[in-house]
Amino acid sequence: MEIQPNGNFQFYEIDGQDIFNWQKFEQYRKFMTDGSSGDKIETLEGLVISDTSDINQIFITDEISIPDLSKIEAILREVETELPENSRNGYELANIVEEFVEEQSASNLDVEKLEALSSELRKIGSQTISKVDFKSLIAQYLGTKRKSGDKEIDVSITSEATGFRDHLLDKHQIRLKLPQDNQSKEDLFDASLNIKYFGETEKQAYYLVGERRDNVKLHFKDACHLRRIVAVDDSKLIFRQILPTMDVDFVRTGQSTVIPFPFKYIREYKKFGDTK
């Protein structure tokens, strides 16, 4: 298989050999130009030529993926909504904590932490508590300490805090934060995760490369550029066979590469030649 990176204009056969083939260079020159789809100009990133001379162009488009904004908006509204009327004072919230403790009696959770939170809420008594203050109390009593600059802050990442938040949502429809479990990532941010190949016809297809789902923590890019694959003239669409060459993380540390990894080797070879 041969791969031609845009701007290099030298062909390399990727089969353990590096071969300059000027006859084929002239043959494929006409395919080394930017293209268009509708009214939009697309930038050519490269050609992939099979050993049977099927030619596929890779274009980067201006189109981007977006997450499920309607679902995210609905969840944010739930997070920003104040506590329900029947769960706003210390007594009422303490009852919920004790309900959770009773359900978790056979678990390995630190019951003393939960009992301390319940005790603090009962001290507050009939006084109304905002959701912000309630979240702070959860972090203080159920969370753990983490260094942030010169300060220590309370973060609610423990099993006790996570389990109690899940209980609040499942049993009382009280949402305190955006979900961060893998299934929720898939549901909300699917368009920005992993490698997606779609819209395939006989002559073209699209793909995008997002963050690896297992690497996503609190921050990740929220959009990916779509790339369009075009089989030129009478060529067959062969790009599906190339997808595994992007499912590697040695080109972009910890992330899949957005174009087939042999491009990396071609560019490194070119740089090596330039330094000689």
C-alpha atoms as a PDB file:
ATOM      1  CA  MET A   1       0.000   0.000   0.000  1.00  0.00           C
ATOM      2  CA  GLU A   2       1.287   3.492  -0.833  1.00  0.00           C
ATOM      3  CA  ILE A   3       0.548   6.693   1.037  1.00  0.00           C
ATOM      4  CA  GLN A   4       1.163  10.239  -0.175  1.00  0.00           C
ATOM      5  CA  PRO A   5       1.060  13.010   2.451  1.00  0.00           C
ATOM      6  CA  ASN A   6      -0.147  16.386   1.220  1.00  0.00           C
ATOM      7  CA  GLY A   7       2.757  18.685   0.389  1.00  0.00           C
ATOM      8  CA  ASN A   8       5.414  15.940   0.244  1.00  0.00           C
ATOM      9  CA  PHE A   9       4.784  14.812  -3.339  1.00  0.00           C
ATOM     10  CA  GLN A  10       6.975  11.738  -3.086  1.00  0.00           C
ATOM     11  CA  PHE A  11       5.572   8.249  -2.938  1.00  0.00           C
ATOM     12  CA  TYR A  12       6.655   5.647  -0.445  1.00  0.00           C
ATOM     13  CA  GLU A  13       5.590   2.051  -0.594  1.00  0.00           C
ATOM     14  CA  ILE A  14       4.693   0.997   2.940  1.00  0.00           C
ATOM     15  CA  ASP A  15       5.677  -2.640   2.882  1.00  0.00           C
ATOM     16  CA  GLY A  16       9.060  -2.540   4.541  1.00  0.00           C
ATOM     17  CA  GLN A  17      10.629  -0.569   1.669  1.00  0.00           C
ATOM     18  CA  ASP A  18      10.846   3.096   0.787  1.00  0.00           C
ATOM     19  CA  ILE A  19      10.573   3.466  -2.974  1.00  0.00           C
ATOM     20  CA  PHE A  20      10.518   6.711  -4.938  1.00  0.00           C
ATOM     21  CA  ASN A  21       8.284   6.087  -7.922  1.00  0.00           C
ATOM     22  CA  TRP A  22       8.255   9.148 -10.171  1.00  0.00           C
ATOM     23  CA  GLN A  23       6.122   7.500 -12.847  1.00  0.00           C
ATOM     24  CA  LYS A  24       3.347   7.006 -10.320  1.00  0.00           C
ATOM     25  CA  PHE A  25       3.943  10.489  -8.967  1.00  0.00           C
ATOM     26  CA  GLU A  26       2.947  11.904 -12.345  1.00  0.00           C
ATOM     27  CA  GLN A  27       0.066   9.459 -12.592  1.00  0.00           C
ATOM     28  CA  TYR A  28      -1.434  10.538  -9.263  1.00  0.00           C
ATOM     29  CA  ARG A  29      -0.532  14.263  -9.396  1.00  0.00           C
ATOM     30  CA  LYS A  30      -4.056  15.223 -10.509  1.00  0.00           C
ATOM     31  CA  PHE A  31      -5.480  13.800  -7.278  1.00  0.00           C
ATOM     32  CA  MET A  32      -3.208  15.940  -5.049  1.00  0.00           C
ATOM     33  CA  THR A  33      -5.472  18.978  -4.904  1.00  0.00           C
ATOM     34  CA  ASP A  34      -8.005  20.289  -2.433  1.00  0.00           C
ATOM     35  CA  GLY A  35     -11.600  19.421  -3.138  1.00  0.00           C
ATOM     36  CA  SER A  36     -15.106  20.599  -2.427  1.00  0.00           C
ATOM     37  CA  SER A  37     -18.317  19.193  -1.067  1.00  0.00           C
ATOM     38  CA  GLY A  38     -21.298  21.388  -1.866  1.00  0.00           C
ATOM     39  CA  ASP A  39     -20.262  25.002  -1.253  1.00  0.00           C
ATOM     40  CA  LYS A  40     -17.430  24.081   1.122  1.00  0.00           C
ATOM     41  CA  ILE A  41     -13.758  23.780   0.290  1.00  0.00           C
ATOM     42  CA  GLU A  42     -11.999  20.793   1.838  1.00  0.00           C
ATOM     43  CA  THR A  43      -8.276  20.425   2.447  1.00  0.00           C
ATOM     44  CA  LEU A  44      -6.586  17.324   1.086  1.00  0.00           C
ATOM     45  CA  GLU A  45      -4.594  15.520   3.769  1.00  0.00           C
ATOM     46  CA  GLY A  46      -3.416  12.588   1.745  1.00  0.00           C
ATOM     47  CA  LEU A  47      -3.944   9.722  -0.667  1.00  0.00           C
ATOM     48  CA  VAL A  48      -4.180   6.051   0.098  1.00  0.00           C
ATOM     49  CA  ILE A  49      -3.436   3.768  -2.848  1.00  0.00           C
ATOM     50  CA  SER A  50      -3.980   0.036  -2.598  1.00  0.00           C
ATOM     51  CA  ASP A  51      -1.848  -2.572  -4.316  1.00  0.00           C
ATOM     52  CA  THR A  52      -4.657  -2.863  -6.891  1.00  0.00           C
ATOM     53  CA  SER A  53      -4.392   0.915  -7.583  1.00  0.00           C
ATOM     54  CA  ASP A  54      -7.625   1.883  -5.860  1.00  0.00           C
ATOM     55  CA  ILE A  55      -7.141   5.521  -4.856  1.00  0.00           C
ATOM     56  CA  ASN A  56      -8.866   7.082  -1.845  1.00  0.00           C
ATOM     57  CA  GLN A  57      -8.450  10.759  -0.958  1.00  0.00           C
ATOM     58  CA  ILE A  58      -8.590  11.962   2.662  1.00  0.00           C
ATOM     59  CA  PHE A  59     -10.070  15.448   3.102  1.00  0.00           C
ATOM     60  CA  ILE A  60     -10.458  17.383   6.341  1.00  0.00           C
ATOM     61  CA  THR A  61     -13.731  19.317   6.383  1.00  0.00           C
ATOM     62  CA  ASP A  62     -14.897  22.386   8.288  1.00  0.00           C
ATOM     63  CA  GLU A  63     -17.715  20.356   9.790  1.00  0.00           C
ATOM     64  CA  ILE A  64     -17.421  19.301  13.418  1.00  0.00           C
ATOM     65  CA  SER A  65     -19.169  16.841  15.662  1.00  0.00           C
ATOM     66  CA  ILE A  66     -21.185  18.111  18.609  1.00  0.00           C
ATOM     67  CA  PRO A  67     -22.377  16.300  21.732  1.00  0.00           C
ATOM     68  CA  ASP A  68     -26.051  15.758  22.553  1.00  0.00           C
ATOM     69  CA  LEU A  69     -26.705  19.375  23.528  1.00  0.00           C
ATOM     70  CA  SER A  70     -30.368  18.889  24.409  1.00  0.00           C
ATOM     71  CA  LYS A  71     -29.559  16.149  26.925  1.00  0.00           C
ATOM     72  CA  ILE A  72     -26.684  18.141  28.398  1.00  0.00           C
ATOM     73  CA  GLU A  73     -28.902  21.216  28.729  1.00  0.00           C
ATOM     74  CA  ALA A  74     -31.571  19.179  30.523  1.00  0.00           C
ATOM     75  CA  ILE A  75     -29.013  17.767  32.963  1.00  0.00           C
ATOM     76  CA  LEU A  76     -27.514  21.211  33.637  1.00  0.00           C
ATOM     77  CA  ARG A  77     -30.959  22.522  34.421  1.00  0.00           C
ATOM     78  CA  GLU A  78     -31.431  19.688  36.905  1.00  0.00           C
ATOM     79  CA  VAL A  79     -28.081  20.493  38.529  1.00  0.00           C
ATOM     80  CA  GLU A  80     -28.912  24.201  38.796  1.00  0.00           C
ATOM     81  CA  THR A  81     -32.434  23.620  40.154  1.00  0.00           C
ATOM     82  CA  GLU A  82     -32.768  24.117  43.908  1.00  0.00           C
ATOM     83  CA  LEU A  83     -33.588  21.237  46.230  1.00  0.00           C
ATOM     84  CA  PRO A  84     -37.207  20.008  46.244  1.00  0.00           C
ATOM     85  CA  GLU A  85     -39.558  21.667  48.716  1.00  0.00           C
ATOM     86  CA  ASN A  86     -39.769  18.524  50.847  1.00  0.00           C
ATOM     87  CA  SER A  87     -35.974  18.120  51.008  1.00  0.00           C
ATOM     88  CA  ARG A  88     -34.659  21.566  51.816  1.00  0.00           C
ATOM     89  CA  ASN A  89     -34.000  21.691  55.533  1.00  0.00           C
ATOM     90  CA  GLY A  90     -31.537  19.905  57.779  1.00  0.00           C
ATOM     91  CA  TYR A  91     -34.018  17.436  59.233  1.00  0.00           C
ATOM     92  CA  GLU A  92     -35.341  16.347  55.850  1.00  0.00           C
ATOM     93  CA  LEU A  93     -31.889  15.879  54.373  1.00  0.00           C
ATOM     94  CA  ALA A  94     -30.660  14.050  57.479  1.00  0.00           C
ATOM     95  CA  ASN A  95     -33.533  11.593  56.997  1.00  0.00           C
ATOM     96  CA  ILE A  96     -32.317  10.916  53.467  1.00  0.00           C
ATOM     97  CA  VAL A  97     -28.767  10.311  54.704  1.00  0.00           C
ATOM     98  CA  GLU A  98     -30.037   7.856  57.326  1.00  0.00           C
ATOM     99  CA  GLU A  99     -32.194   6.149  54.706  1.00  0.00           C
ATOM    100  CA  PHE A 100     -29.052   5.661  52.616  1.00  0.00           C
ATOM    101  CA  VAL A 101     -27.102   4.326  55.627  1.00  0.00           C
ATOM    102  CA  GLU A 102     -29.816   1.764  56.293  1.00  0.00           C
ATOM    103  CA  GLU A 103     -29.730   0.586  52.679  1.00  0.00           C
ATOM    104  CA  GLN A 104     -25.938   0.306  52.763  1.00  0.00           C
ATOM    105  CA  SER A 105     -25.685  -1.566  56.057  1.00  0.00           C
ATOM    106  CA  ALA A 106     -24.036  -4.572  54.387  1.00  0.00           C
ATOM    107  CA  SER A 107     -21.635  -2.514  52.257  1.00  0.00           C
ATOM    108  CA  ASN A 108     -18.055  -1.426  52.881  1.00  0.00           C
ATOM    109  CA  LEU A 109     -18.889   2.275  53.074  1.00  0.00           C
ATOM    110  CA  ASP A 110     -17.573   4.318  55.978  1.00  0.00           C
ATOM    111  CA  VAL A 111     -20.766   4.642  58.018  1.00  0.00           C
ATOM    112  CA  GLU A 112     -19.103   7.025  60.482  1.00  0.00           C
ATOM    113  CA  LYS A 113     -18.696   9.608  57.720  1.00  0.00           C
ATOM    114  CA  LEU A 114     -22.379   9.328  56.832  1.00  0.00           C
ATOM    115  CA  GLU A 115     -23.446   9.533  60.477  1.00  0.00           C
ATOM    116  CA  ALA A 116     -21.305  12.665  60.923  1.00  0.00           C
ATOM    117  CA  LEU A 117     -23.049  14.274  57.926  1.00  0.00           C
ATOM    118  CA  SER A 118     -26.447  13.337  59.323  1.00  0.00           C
ATOM    119  CA  SER A 119     -25.533  14.803  62.716  1.00  0.00           C
ATOM    120  CA  GLU A 120     -24.428  18.080  61.140  1.00  0.00           C
ATOM    121  CA  LEU A 121     -27.651  18.315  59.155  1.00  0.00           C
ATOM    122  CA  ARG A 122     -29.728  17.777  62.289  1.00  0.00           C
ATOM    123  CA  LYS A 123     -27.876  20.628  63.949  1.00  0.00           C
ATOM    124  CA  ILE A 124     -29.072  22.832  61.094  1.00  0.00           C
ATOM    125  CA  GLY A 125     -32.563  21.593  61.880  1.00  0.00           C
ATOM    126  CA  SER A 126     -35.487  23.303  60.214  1.00  0.00           C
ATOM    127  CA  GLN A 127     -33.292  25.907  58.530  1.00  0.00           C
ATOM    128  CA  THR A 128     -33.395  25.841  54.721  1.00  0.00           C
ATOM    129  CA  ILE A 129     -30.206  24.672  52.957  1.00  0.00           C
ATOM    130  CA  SER A 130     -29.246  25.647  49.418  1.00  0.00           C
ATOM    131  CA  LYS A 131     -28.057  23.007  47.007  1.00  0.00           C
ATOM    132  CA  VAL A 132     -24.636  24.665  46.907  1.00  0.00           C
ATOM    133  CA  ASP A 133     -24.267  24.435  50.680  1.00  0.00           C
ATOM    134  CA  PHE A 134     -25.541  20.868  50.679  1.00  0.00           C
ATOM    135  CA  LYS A 135     -22.896  19.906  48.106  1.00  0.00           C
ATOM    136  CA  SER A 136     -20.232  21.560  50.251  1.00  0.00           C
ATOM    137  CA  LEU A 137     -21.334  19.555  53.294  1.00  0.00           C
ATOM    138  CA  ILE A 138     -21.167  16.331  51.269  1.00  0.00           C
ATOM    139  CA  ALA A 139     -17.631  17.168  50.147  1.00  0.00           C
ATOM    140  CA  GLN A 140     -16.629  18.096  53.700  1.00  0.00           C
ATOM    141  CA  TYR A 141     -18.044  15.023  55.463  1.00  0.00           C
ATOM    142  CA  LEU A 142     -18.030  12.346  52.781  1.00  0.00           C
ATOM    143  CA  GLY A 143     -15.192  13.544  50.583  1.00  0.00           C
ATOM    144  CA  THR A 144     -11.445  13.646  50.932  1.00  0.00           C
ATOM    145  CA  LYS A 145      -8.709  16.284  51.008  1.00  0.00           C
ATOM    146  CA  ARG A 146      -6.805  17.219  47.877  1.00  0.00           C
ATOM    147  CA  LYS A 147      -3.940  19.673  47.428  1.00  0.00           C
ATOM    148  CA  SER A 148      -4.768  22.640  45.210  1.00  0.00           C
ATOM    149  CA  GLY A 149      -1.880  25.071  45.040  1.00  0.00           C
ATOM    150  CA  ASP A 150      -1.072  26.095  48.596  1.00  0.00           C
ATOM    151  CA  LYS A 151      -4.457  24.989  49.910  1.00  0.00           C
ATOM    152  CA  GLU A 152      -6.256  21.769  50.712  1.00  0.00           C
ATOM    153  CA  ILE A 153      -9.766  21.448  49.370  1.00  0.00           C
ATOM    154  CA  ASP A 154     -12.571  18.973  49.957  1.00  0.00           C
ATOM    155  CA  VAL A 155     -13.433  16.866  46.922  1.00  0.00           C
ATOM    156  CA  SER A 156     -16.370  14.475  46.805  1.00  0.00           C
ATOM    157  CA  ILE A 157     -14.815  11.594  44.856  1.00  0.00           C
ATOM    158  CA  THR A 158     -15.030   8.900  47.553  1.00  0.00           C
ATOM    159  CA  SER A 159     -17.299   5.866  47.434  1.00  0.00           C
ATOM    160  CA  GLU A 160     -19.436   7.396  50.167  1.00  0.00           C
ATOM    161  CA  ALA A 161     -19.967  10.660  48.282  1.00  0.00           C
ATOM    162  CA  THR A 162     -20.551   8.959  44.919  1.00  0.00           C
ATOM    163  CA  GLY A 163     -22.930   6.404  46.386  1.00  0.00           C
ATOM    164  CA  PHE A 164     -24.922   9.028  48.241  1.00  0.00           C
ATOM    165  CA  ARG A 165     -25.237  11.219  45.134  1.00  0.00           C
ATOM    166  CA  ASP A 166     -26.494   8.202  43.191  1.00  0.00           C
ATOM    167  CA  HIS A 167     -29.039   7.554  45.959  1.00  0.00           C
ATOM    168  CA  LEU A 168     -30.227  11.164  45.840  1.00  0.00           C
ATOM    169  CA  LEU A 169     -30.749  10.930  42.086  1.00  0.00           C
ATOM    170  CA  ASP A 170     -32.285   7.452  41.956  1.00  0.00           C
ATOM    171  CA  LYS A 171     -34.607   7.729  44.943  1.00  0.00           C
ATOM    172  CA  HIS A 172     -35.292  11.458  45.244  1.00  0.00           C
ATOM    173  CA  GLN A 173     -34.595  12.878  41.759  1.00  0.00           C
ATOM    174  CA  ILE A 174     -32.011  15.268  43.206  1.00  0.00           C
ATOM    175  CA  ARG A 175     -29.092  15.773  40.811  1.00  0.00           C
ATOM    176  CA  LEU A 176     -25.991  17.448  42.221  1.00  0.00           C
ATOM    177  CA  LYS A 177     -23.520  17.249  39.310  1.00  0.00           C
ATOM    178  CA  LEU A 178     -22.981  16.130  35.744  1.00  0.00           C
ATOM    179  CA  PRO A 179     -22.537  12.345  35.499  1.00  0.00           C
ATOM    180  CA  GLN A 180     -18.993  11.114  34.916  1.00  0.00           C
ATOM    181  CA  ASP A 181     -19.441   7.361  34.526  1.00  0.00           C
ATOM    182  CA  ASN A 182     -18.428   5.757  31.241  1.00  0.00           C
ATOM    183  CA  GLN A 183     -21.972   4.983  30.161  1.00  0.00           C
ATOM    184  CA  SER A 184     -23.002   8.625  30.595  1.00  0.00           C
ATOM    185  CA  LYS A 185     -19.966   9.728  28.593  1.00  0.00           C
ATOM    186  CA  GLU A 186     -21.079   7.440  25.791  1.00  0.00           C
ATOM    187  CA  ASP A 187     -24.648   8.757  25.945  1.00  0.00           C
ATOM    188  CA  LEU A 188     -23.819  12.470  26.076  1.00  0.00           C
ATOM    189  CA  PHE A 189     -20.485  12.836  24.292  1.00  0.00           C
ATOM    190  CA  ASP A 190     -20.536   9.933  21.860  1.00  0.00           C
ATOM    191  CA  ALA A 191     -19.753  12.261  18.953  1.00  0.00           C
ATOM    192  CA  SER A 192     -16.437  13.217  20.585  1.00  0.00           C
ATOM    193  CA  LEU A 193     -15.270   9.783  21.709  1.00  0.00           C
ATOM    194  CA  ASN A 194     -13.357   7.013  19.974  1.00  0.00           C
ATOM    195  CA  ILE A 195     -13.195   6.440  16.196  1.00  0.00           C
ATOM    196  CA  LYS A 196     -16.419   6.755  14.228  1.00  0.00           C
ATOM    197  CA  TYR A 197     -16.831   5.645  10.592  1.00  0.00           C
ATOM    198  CA  PHE A 198     -20.165   6.462   8.998  1.00  0.00           C
ATOM    199  CA  GLY A 199     -22.115   7.646   5.965  1.00  0.00           C
ATOM    200  CA  GLU A 200     -20.490   5.072   3.725  1.00  0.00           C
ATOM    201  CA  THR A 201     -21.665   4.877   0.112  1.00  0.00           C
ATOM    202  CA  GLU A 202     -20.014   3.203  -2.861  1.00  0.00           C
ATOM    203  CA  LYS A 203     -17.712   6.187  -3.463  1.00  0.00           C
ATOM    204  CA  GLN A 204     -17.309   8.051  -0.178  1.00  0.00           C
ATOM    205  CA  ALA A 205     -17.506   7.852   3.614  1.00  0.00           C
ATOM    206  CA  TYR A 206     -16.828   9.993   6.682  1.00  0.00           C
ATOM    207  CA  TYR A 207     -14.903   9.427   9.860  1.00  0.00           C
ATOM    208  CA  LEU A 208     -13.834  11.287  12.980  1.00  0.00           C
ATOM    209  CA  VAL A 209     -11.352  10.544  15.726  1.00  0.00           C
ATOM    210  CA  GLY A 210     -12.242  11.629  19.232  1.00  0.00           C
ATOM    211  CA  GLU A 211     -10.785  11.112  22.664  1.00  0.00           C
ATOM    212  CA  ARG A 212     -10.379   7.550  23.859  1.00  0.00           C
ATOM    213  CA  ARG A 213     -13.308   6.996  26.195  1.00  0.00           C
ATOM    214  CA  ASP A 214     -11.223   5.329  28.894  1.00  0.00           C
ATOM    215  CA  ASN A 215      -8.858   8.330  28.991  1.00  0.00           C
ATOM    216  CA  VAL A 216     -11.564  10.925  29.533  1.00  0.00           C
ATOM    217  CA  LYS A 217     -11.472  12.485  32.985  1.00  0.00           C
ATOM    218  CA  LEU A 218     -12.915  15.919  33.714  1.00  0.00           C
ATOM    219  CA  HIS A 219     -11.824  17.790  30.597  1.00  0.00           C
ATOM    220  CA  PHE A 220     -11.682  16.841  26.939  1.00  0.00           C
ATOM    221  CA  LYS A 221     -12.294  18.494  23.614  1.00  0.00           C
ATOM    222  CA  ASP A 222     -15.974  18.785  22.817  1.00  0.00           C
ATOM    223  CA  ALA A 223     -15.790  18.624  19.024  1.00  0.00           C
ATOM    224  CA  CYS A 224     -13.911  16.746  16.309  1.00  0.00           C
ATOM    225  CA  HIS A 225     -13.405  17.667  12.678  1.00  0.00           C
ATOM    226  CA  LEU A 226     -15.070  15.321  10.219  1.00  0.00           C
ATOM    227  CA  ARG A 227     -12.917  13.832   7.502  1.00  0.00           C
ATOM    228  CA  ARG A 228     -14.315  12.756   4.141  1.00  0.00           C
ATOM    229  CA  ILE A 229     -12.952   9.815   2.191  1.00  0.00           C
ATOM    230  CA  VAL A 230     -13.451   9.818  -1.588  1.00  0.00           C
ATOM    231  CA  ALA A 231     -12.772   6.949  -3.974  1.00  0.00           C
ATOM    232  CA  VAL A 232     -11.585   8.630  -7.176  1.00  0.00           C
ATOM    233  CA  ASP A 233     -12.657   7.707 -10.699  1.00  0.00           C
ATOM    234  CA  ASP A 234     -13.302   3.951 -10.904  1.00  0.00           C
ATOM    235  CA  SER A 235     -11.594   3.142  -7.627  1.00  0.00           C
ATOM    236  CA  LYS A 236     -13.257   1.191  -4.836  1.00  0.00           C
ATOM    237  CA  LEU A 237     -13.681   2.625  -1.340  1.00  0.00           C
ATOM    238  CA  ILE A 238     -10.950   0.840   0.632  1.00  0.00           C
ATOM    239  CA  PHE A 239     -10.657   3.072   3.670  1.00  0.00           C
ATOM    240  CA  ARG A 240     -12.516   0.773   6.064  1.00  0.00           C
ATOM    241  CA  GLN A 241      -9.438  -1.485   5.906  1.00  0.00           C
ATOM    242  CA  ILE A 242      -7.283   1.457   7.041  1.00  0.00           C
ATOM    243  CA  LEU A 243      -9.222   2.224  10.245  1.00  0.00           C
ATOM    244  CA  PRO A 244      -6.988   0.040  12.466  1.00  0.00           C
ATOM    245  CA  THR A 245      -4.013   2.251  11.547  1.00  0.00           C
ATOM    246  CA  MET A 246      -5.593   5.066  13.569  1.00  0.00           C
ATOM    247  CA  ASP A 247      -6.430   3.017  16.635  1.00  0.00           C
ATOM    248  CA  VAL A 248      -2.949   3.534  18.086  1.00  0.00           C
ATOM    249  CA  ASP A 249      -1.680   5.946  20.726  1.00  0.00           C
ATOM    250  CA  PHE A 250       2.020   6.246  19.872  1.00  0.00           C
ATOM    251  CA  VAL A 251       1.483   9.113  17.410  1.00  0.00           C
ATOM    252  CA  ARG A 252      -0.478  11.311  19.829  1.00  0.00           C
ATOM    253  CA  THR A 253       0.423  10.242  23.350  1.00  0.00           C
ATOM    254  CA  GLY A 254      -2.511   8.509  24.966  1.00  0.00           C
ATOM    255  CA  GLN A 255      -4.831   9.350  22.051  1.00  0.00           C
ATOM    256  CA  SER A 256      -5.717   7.821  18.718  1.00  0.00           C
ATOM    257  CA  THR A 257      -4.175   9.459  15.663  1.00  0.00           C
ATOM    258  CA  VAL A 258      -6.491  11.417  13.360  1.00  0.00           C
ATOM    259  CA  ILE A 259      -4.874  10.136  10.158  1.00  0.00           C
ATOM    260  CA  PRO A 260      -3.282   6.718   9.499  1.00  0.00           C
ATOM    261  CA  PHE A 261      -0.049   6.312  11.425  1.00  0.00           C
ATOM    262  CA  PRO A 262       2.140   5.595   8.333  1.00  0.00           C
ATOM    263  CA  PHE A 263       1.881   9.336   7.617  1.00  0.00           C
ATOM    264  CA  LYS A 264       3.946   9.873  10.756  1.00  0.00           C
ATOM    265  CA  TYR A 265       6.725   7.678   9.402  1.00  0.00           C
ATOM    266  CA  ILE A 266       6.683   9.375   6.010  1.00  0.00           C
ATOM    267  CA  ARG A 267       7.012  12.803   7.618  1.00  0.00           C
ATOM    268  CA  GLU A 268       9.774  11.618   9.923  1.00  0.00           C
ATOM    269  CA  TYR A 269      11.619  10.139   6.927  1.00  0.00           C
ATOM    270  CA  LYS A 270      11.274  13.449   5.112  1.00  0.00           C
ATOM    271  CA  LYS A 271      12.623  15.358   8.141  1.00  0.00           C
ATOM    272  CA  PHE A 272      15.481  12.899   8.366  1.00  0.00           C
ATOM    273  CA  GLY A 273      16.315  13.559   4.725  1.00  0.00           C
ATOM    274  CA  ASP A 274      16.119  17.327   5.246  1.00  0.00           C
ATOM    275  CA  THR A 275      18.666  17.225   8.054  1.00  0.00           C
ATOM    276  CA  LYS A 276      21.232  15.323   5.993  1.00  0.00           C
END
